[in-house]
Amino acid sequence: MFTQDDAMANVNVTISLPEKLHRRMKEHDEISWSATMRNMIEERLKDIELMDKLTRKSKLTKEDVKELAEKIDRAAARKLGLL
């Protein structure tokens, strides 16, 4: 059974970083990098969950989505003068 205590439990996650990035982070030890990553992950999950909700009933295939994305990318590139 899932309890409120379970919701408050923390787990540790290990990530691999390039040495140069790690050195740059260490220059800013005033930053709580753990809290920063936790917030970034939470925001990304909210975005993903919103997209899941918006597309749940969609009849588009992955190929349809890919084609639309390519059209949008081309249009944006033209507007920005990149094509």
C-alpha atoms as a PDB file:
ATOM      1  CA  MET A   1       0.000   0.000   0.000  1.00  0.00           C
ATOM      2  CA  PHE A   2       1.227   3.504  -0.891  1.00  0.00           C
ATOM      3  CA  THR A   3       1.450   5.774   2.147  1.00  0.00           C
ATOM      4  CA  GLN A   4       2.120   9.457   2.628  1.00  0.00           C
ATOM      5  CA  ASP A   5       5.583   8.540   3.924  1.00  0.00           C
ATOM      6  CA  ASP A   6       6.310   6.910   0.552  1.00  0.00           C
ATOM      7  CA  ALA A   7       5.487  10.182  -1.199  1.00  0.00           C
ATOM      8  CA  MET A   8       8.059  11.976   0.929  1.00  0.00           C
ATOM      9  CA  ALA A   9      10.829   9.403   0.450  1.00  0.00           C
ATOM     10  CA  ASN A  10      13.780  10.503  -1.654  1.00  0.00           C
ATOM     11  CA  VAL A  11      15.920   8.453  -3.974  1.00  0.00           C
ATOM     12  CA  ASN A  12      19.384   9.251  -5.225  1.00  0.00           C
ATOM     13  CA  VAL A  13      20.028   9.432  -8.950  1.00  0.00           C
ATOM     14  CA  THR A  14      23.502   9.477 -10.431  1.00  0.00           C
ATOM     15  CA  ILE A  15      24.251  11.375 -13.632  1.00  0.00           C
ATOM     16  CA  SER A  16      27.387  11.515 -15.735  1.00  0.00           C
ATOM     17  CA  LEU A  17      28.721  14.921 -16.689  1.00  0.00           C
ATOM     18  CA  PRO A  18      31.633  16.030 -18.809  1.00  0.00           C
ATOM     19  CA  GLU A  19      34.539  17.083 -16.583  1.00  0.00           C
ATOM     20  CA  LYS A  20      34.474  20.634 -17.978  1.00  0.00           C
ATOM     21  CA  LEU A  21      30.809  21.057 -17.045  1.00  0.00           C
ATOM     22  CA  HIS A  22      31.460  19.693 -13.557  1.00  0.00           C
ATOM     23  CA  ARG A  23      34.315  22.160 -13.049  1.00  0.00           C
ATOM     24  CA  ARG A  24      32.055  25.033 -14.098  1.00  0.00           C
ATOM     25  CA  MET A  25      29.360  23.883 -11.663  1.00  0.00           C
ATOM     26  CA  LYS A  26      31.900  23.714  -8.837  1.00  0.00           C
ATOM     27  CA  GLU A  27      32.708  27.384  -9.460  1.00  0.00           C
ATOM     28  CA  HIS A  28      29.170  28.129  -8.268  1.00  0.00           C
ATOM     29  CA  ASP A  29      28.833  26.187  -5.045  1.00  0.00           C
ATOM     30  CA  GLU A  30      26.190  28.683  -3.918  1.00  0.00           C
ATOM     31  CA  ILE A  31      23.786  26.906  -6.273  1.00  0.00           C
ATOM     32  CA  SER A  32      21.901  23.865  -5.024  1.00  0.00           C
ATOM     33  CA  TRP A  33      22.427  21.777  -8.150  1.00  0.00           C
ATOM     34  CA  SER A  34      20.302  18.965  -6.761  1.00  0.00           C
ATOM     35  CA  ALA A  35      17.325  21.310  -6.310  1.00  0.00           C
ATOM     36  CA  THR A  36      17.988  22.841  -9.739  1.00  0.00           C
ATOM     37  CA  MET A  37      17.883  19.413 -11.403  1.00  0.00           C
ATOM     38  CA  ARG A  38      14.796  18.412  -9.423  1.00  0.00           C
ATOM     39  CA  ASN A  39      12.988  21.549 -10.633  1.00  0.00           C
ATOM     40  CA  MET A  40      14.109  21.038 -14.241  1.00  0.00           C
ATOM     41  CA  ILE A  41      12.929  17.428 -14.215  1.00  0.00           C
ATOM     42  CA  GLU A  42       9.587  18.419 -12.699  1.00  0.00           C
ATOM     43  CA  GLU A  43       9.028  21.114 -15.348  1.00  0.00           C
ATOM     44  CA  ARG A  44       9.992  18.751 -18.172  1.00  0.00           C
ATOM     45  CA  LEU A  45       7.598  16.092 -16.847  1.00  0.00           C
ATOM     46  CA  LYS A  46       4.789  18.661 -16.692  1.00  0.00           C
ATOM     47  CA  ASP A  47       5.437  19.503 -20.356  1.00  0.00           C
ATOM     48  CA  ILE A  48       5.457  15.826 -21.342  1.00  0.00           C
ATOM     49  CA  GLU A  49       2.294  15.078 -19.376  1.00  0.00           C
ATOM     50  CA  LEU A  50       0.529  18.043 -21.012  1.00  0.00           C
ATOM     51  CA  MET A  51       1.561  16.816 -24.460  1.00  0.00           C
ATOM     52  CA  ASP A  52       0.338  13.322 -23.559  1.00  0.00           C
ATOM     53  CA  LYS A  53      -3.001  14.760 -22.470  1.00  0.00           C
ATOM     54  CA  LEU A  54      -3.343  16.896 -25.604  1.00  0.00           C
ATOM     55  CA  THR A  55      -2.480  14.040 -27.956  1.00  0.00           C
ATOM     56  CA  ARG A  56      -4.166  11.148 -26.152  1.00  0.00           C
ATOM     57  CA  LYS A  57      -7.088  10.990 -28.593  1.00  0.00           C
ATOM     58  CA  SER A  58      -5.127  12.006 -31.664  1.00  0.00           C
ATOM     59  CA  LYS A  59      -5.415   9.831 -34.744  1.00  0.00           C
ATOM     60  CA  LEU A  60      -2.106  11.105 -36.141  1.00  0.00           C
ATOM     61  CA  THR A  61       0.607   8.538 -36.703  1.00  0.00           C
ATOM     62  CA  LYS A  62       4.238   9.120 -35.802  1.00  0.00           C
ATOM     63  CA  GLU A  63       4.890   9.615 -39.514  1.00  0.00           C
ATOM     64  CA  ASP A  64       2.150  12.276 -39.676  1.00  0.00           C
ATOM     65  CA  VAL A  65       3.708  14.085 -36.732  1.00  0.00           C
ATOM     66  CA  LYS A  66       7.179  13.860 -38.283  1.00  0.00           C
ATOM     67  CA  GLU A  67       5.886  15.295 -41.570  1.00  0.00           C
ATOM     68  CA  LEU A  68       4.125  18.174 -39.800  1.00  0.00           C
ATOM     69  CA  ALA A  69       7.211  18.923 -37.712  1.00  0.00           C
ATOM     70  CA  GLU A  70       9.366  19.056 -40.852  1.00  0.00           C
ATOM     71  CA  LYS A  71       6.916  21.458 -42.516  1.00  0.00           C
ATOM     72  CA  ILE A  72       6.935  23.689 -39.442  1.00  0.00           C
ATOM     73  CA  ASP A  73      10.746  23.614 -39.288  1.00  0.00           C
ATOM     74  CA  ARG A  74      11.023  24.573 -42.982  1.00  0.00           C
ATOM     75  CA  ALA A  75       8.498  27.400 -42.594  1.00  0.00           C
ATOM     76  CA  ALA A  76      10.301  28.734 -39.515  1.00  0.00           C
ATOM     77  CA  ALA A  77      13.669  28.533 -41.287  1.00  0.00           C
ATOM     78  CA  ARG A  78      12.277  30.436 -44.292  1.00  0.00           C
ATOM     79  CA  LYS A  79      10.805  33.107 -42.020  1.00  0.00           C
ATOM     80  CA  LEU A  80      14.163  33.483 -40.268  1.00  0.00           C
ATOM     81  CA  GLY A  81      15.983  33.680 -43.617  1.00  0.00           C
ATOM     82  CA  LEU A  82      17.853  30.432 -43.034  1.00  0.00           C
ATOM     83  CA  LEU A  83      16.654  28.855 -46.306  1.00  0.00           C
END
